[in-house]
Protein backbone atom coordinates (compact mmCIF):
# COMPACT_ATOMS: atom_id res chain seq x y z
CA MET A 1 -0.21 -0.08 -0.43
CA ILE A 2 2.71 2.14 0.78
CA ASP A 3 4.27 1.49 -2.64
CA ASN A 4 1.27 2.40 -4.32
CA VAL A 5 0.55 5.85 -2.25
CA GLN A 6 4.24 6.75 -3.44
CA ASN A 7 3.50 5.93 -7.47
CA ALA A 8 0.43 7.55 -7.36
CA THR A 9 2.08 11.16 -6.88
CA GLN A 10 5.66 10.25 -8.06
CA ARG A 11 4.87 11.45 -11.92
CA VAL A 12 2.92 14.57 -10.95
CA ASP A 13 5.60 15.78 -8.49
CA SER A 14 8.06 15.46 -11.60
CA ILE A 15 5.98 17.82 -13.51
CA ILE A 16 5.20 20.33 -11.11
CA ALA A 17 9.32 19.77 -10.57
CA GLU A 18 9.77 20.58 -14.27
CA ASN A 19 7.30 23.70 -14.12
CA PRO A 20 8.01 25.66 -10.48
CA ASP A 21 6.50 28.52 -11.89
CA GLN A 22 3.32 27.47 -12.84
CA THR A 23 0.27 26.57 -10.94
CA LEU A 24 -1.76 23.14 -10.74
CA ASP A 25 -4.61 25.18 -12.75
CA GLN A 26 -2.07 26.69 -15.38
CA LEU A 27 -0.58 22.89 -15.45
CA LEU A 28 -4.14 21.71 -16.00
CA ALA A 29 -4.75 24.61 -18.78
CA ALA A 30 -1.94 23.72 -20.44
CA ARG A 31 -2.86 20.01 -20.60
CA LYS A 32 0.52 19.17 -18.82
CA ILE A 33 -1.59 17.26 -15.79
CA ASN A 34 -5.07 15.68 -15.93
CA PRO A 35 -7.82 16.44 -13.58
CA ASP A 36 -7.14 13.55 -11.71
CA GLN A 37 -3.34 14.01 -11.50
CA LYS A 38 -4.43 17.78 -10.06
CA ALA A 39 -6.61 16.33 -7.47
CA GLN A 40 -3.42 13.79 -6.54
CA ALA A 41 -1.58 16.64 -6.14
CA GLN A 42 -3.95 18.45 -3.90
CA LYS A 43 -4.42 15.25 -1.70
CA LYS A 44 -0.31 14.88 -1.69
CA PRO A 45 0.22 16.44 2.07
CA SER A 46 -2.88 14.17 3.13
CA LEU A 47 -1.18 11.24 1.47
CA GLN A 48 2.06 11.78 3.08
CA ALA A 49 0.40 11.94 6.41
CA SER A 50 -1.18 8.71 5.70
CA LEU A 51 1.93 7.38 4.41
CA ALA A 52 4.22 8.32 7.59
CA GLN A 53 1.27 6.89 9.77
CA LEU A 54 1.47 3.44 7.90
CA GLU A 55 5.33 3.89 8.12
CA GLU A 56 5.02 4.21 11.82
CA GLN A 57 2.48 1.41 12.02
CA VAL A 58 4.96 -0.73 10.33
CA ALA A 59 8.07 0.10 12.66
CA GLN A 60 5.41 -0.68 15.28
CA TYR A 61 4.72 -3.84 14.14
CA LYS A 62 8.23 -4.81 13.76
CA GLN A 63 9.14 -3.36 17.15
CA PHE A 64 6.31 -5.90 18.61
CA ASP A 65 7.79 -8.88 16.96
CA GLU A 66 10.98 -8.20 17.71
CA ASP A 67 9.95 -7.72 21.52
CA TYR A 68 7.63 -11.16 21.38
CA GLN A 69 10.82 -13.03 20.00
CA LYS A 70 12.81 -11.66 22.46
CA ARG A 71 10.55 -12.37 25.18
CA LEU A 72 9.54 -16.07 23.80
CA ALA A 73 13.75 -16.95 23.47
CA THR A 74 13.56 -15.56 27.44
CA GLU A 75 11.05 -17.71 28.38
CA LYS A 76 12.20 -20.46 26.85
CA ALA A 77 15.73 -20.04 28.16
CA ALA A 78 14.02 -19.49 31.64
CA LEU A 79 11.85 -22.95 31.42
CA GLU A 80 14.71 -24.66 30.11
CA THR A 81 17.14 -23.80 32.94
CA SER A 82 14.39 -24.40 35.79
CA HIS A 83 13.61 -28.01 34.00
CA LYS A 84 17.71 -28.43 34.44
CA ASP A 85 17.64 -27.37 38.11
CA GLU A 86 14.61 -29.89 38.65
CA LEU A 87 16.68 -32.88 37.23
CA ASP A 88 19.86 -31.80 39.01
CA LYS A 89 17.76 -31.55 42.12
CA VAL A 90 15.97 -35.15 41.78
CA LYS A 91 19.50 -36.35 40.85
CA GLU A 92 21.15 -35.29 43.78
CA ALA A 93 18.23 -36.20 45.92
CA ALA A 94 19.13 -39.63 44.23
CA ILE A 95 22.47 -39.70 44.95
CA ALA A 96 22.42 -38.52 48.52
CA GLU A 97 19.53 -41.21 49.26
CA VAL A 98 22.04 -44.19 47.91
CA LYS A 99 24.93 -43.07 49.75
CA ALA A 100 22.71 -42.76 53.03
CA GLU A 101 21.56 -46.48 52.24
CA SER A 102 24.79 -47.81 51.57
CA ALA A 103 26.27 -46.16 54.72
CA LYS A 104 23.53 -47.61 56.70
CA GLU A 105 23.92 -50.96 55.09
CA ALA A 106 27.56 -50.94 55.89
CA LYS A 107 27.39 -49.88 59.69
CA ASP A 108 24.29 -52.96 59.47
CA ASN A 109 27.09 -55.04 58.09
CA LEU A 110 29.74 -53.72 60.90
CA LEU A 111 27.04 -54.38 63.77
CA VAL A 112 26.50 -57.88 62.25
CA LEU A 113 30.62 -58.67 62.23
CA SER A 114 30.81 -56.91 65.63
CA LYS A 115 28.04 -59.01 67.38
CA PHE A 116 29.66 -62.45 65.73
CA LEU A 117 33.03 -61.32 67.22
CA ARG A 118 31.48 -60.60 70.75
CA ALA A 119 29.45 -64.09 70.86
CA ALA A 120 32.98 -66.08 69.48
CA ALA A 121 34.53 -63.99 72.72
CA ALA A 122 31.80 -64.98 75.22
CA LYS A 123 32.10 -68.74 74.08
CA ARG A 124 36.06 -68.56 74.39
CA GLN A 125 35.55 -67.10 78.40
CA GLY A 126 32.62 -69.27 79.52
CA GLY A 127 32.05 -72.18 76.55
CA ASP A 128 32.95 -75.75 76.23
CA GLU A 129 35.92 -75.70 73.83
CA THR A 130 35.31 -78.92 72.59
CA SER A 131 31.74 -78.37 71.77
CA PRO A 132 30.63 -78.48 68.48
CA GLU A 133 29.03 -75.31 68.19
CA ASN A 134 32.12 -73.79 70.02
CA ARG A 135 34.62 -75.51 67.40
CA ALA A 136 32.46 -74.09 64.69
CA PHE A 137 32.94 -70.55 66.25
CA GLU A 138 36.67 -70.97 66.41
CA GLY A 139 36.81 -72.13 62.55
CA ALA A 140 34.77 -68.90 61.77
CA LEU A 141 37.29 -67.00 63.37
CA LEU A 142 40.22 -68.70 61.98
CA LEU A 143 38.66 -67.86 58.51
CA VAL A 144 37.67 -64.20 59.80
CA TYR A 145 41.55 -63.46 60.90
CA GLY A 146 43.05 -65.21 57.94
CA GLY A 147 44.21 -61.70 56.49
CA GLU A 148 43.91 -62.65 52.85
CA THR A 149 40.86 -62.51 50.33
CA GLY A 150 39.25 -65.63 51.65
CA ALA A 151 38.89 -63.81 54.83
CA VAL A 152 37.09 -61.14 53.19
CA ALA A 153 34.82 -64.02 51.51
CA ALA A 154 34.61 -65.11 54.91
CA MET A 155 33.29 -61.87 56.64
CA GLU A 156 30.81 -61.64 53.58
CA SER A 157 29.34 -64.64 54.35
CA LEU A 158 28.99 -64.34 57.76
CA ILE A 159 27.61 -61.12 57.45
CA ALA A 160 25.20 -62.11 54.68
CA GLY A 161 23.86 -65.55 56.65
CA GLY A 162 25.08 -67.78 53.92
CA ASP A 163 24.08 -71.30 53.94
CA GLU A 164 27.54 -72.89 53.46
CA LYS A 165 29.24 -75.03 56.17
CA VAL A 166 31.91 -73.70 58.73
CA PRO A 167 35.16 -75.54 58.88
CA THR A 168 36.45 -76.52 62.31
CA VAL A 169 39.74 -75.46 63.47
CA ASP A 170 40.63 -78.69 61.96
CA GLN A 171 39.46 -77.74 58.43
CA VAL A 172 36.75 -80.35 59.08
CA PRO A 173 33.42 -79.06 58.08
CA SER A 174 30.81 -78.65 61.14
CA GLU A 175 27.27 -79.03 61.12
CA TYR A 176 26.71 -75.25 61.64
CA THR A 177 26.35 -72.57 58.74
CA CYS A 178 27.33 -69.11 58.15
CA LYS A 179 23.93 -68.27 58.72
CA SER A 180 23.52 -70.31 61.88
CA THR A 181 26.45 -68.48 63.48
CA ARG A 182 25.59 -64.94 62.44
CA ILE A 183 23.75 -63.94 65.34
CA PRO A 184 23.39 -67.11 67.44
CA GLN A 185 21.29 -67.38 70.27
CA ALA A 186 24.59 -68.12 72.37
CA TYR A 187 25.42 -64.48 71.79
CA LYS A 188 22.20 -63.34 73.33
CA ALA A 189 22.15 -66.01 76.05
CA TYR A 190 25.85 -64.78 77.06
CA HIS A 191 25.02 -61.44 76.25
CA PHE A 192 22.07 -61.49 78.70
CA ARG A 193 24.31 -63.52 81.53
CA GLY A 194 27.25 -60.99 81.41
CA ARG A 195 24.96 -58.02 82.04
CA GLN A 196 23.33 -59.85 85.10
CA ALA A 197 26.97 -60.90 86.53
CA SER A 198 27.74 -56.77 86.45
CA PRO A 199 27.41 -54.98 89.78
């Protein structure tokens, strides 16, 4: 539309510029312009005002589009950042939970091992060294105190309560398993007896 407005007055402007000393009526009388062109020349100020208004509107639309695109990009970046932050928080919480569970499991395992060692010590102090149960405990202690890879495996079996037979100190399989020597009733009995004997 802007181009149409400009083209409509371009020819008349050229004729007026070529005849600066003649009025529109004189140019019409000399047939250098026709009545429509005279009317266009007379309307030029209003056409120029319309043109300026249209150009201003186009500039406003362009600015609006630019602002909209910027706001859209900003909102998109903020959304992506927020989403990433949420994922990071979930990930951190999951890692913290796994660490806490691992730490608790490690403490529980150490507690089981400590109870086994306490039960074995109690049996040494007040038990029958020749009883099958005491010999099984001594065999388990021998495995735990081995100071090698097998000792680690023995401790893991005792903690987990495995079904494998515990050998005696003579390396003869006993009737007891790692499960039965894990936290035996004997430990509870000796622990309770020891508390009763305390002043």
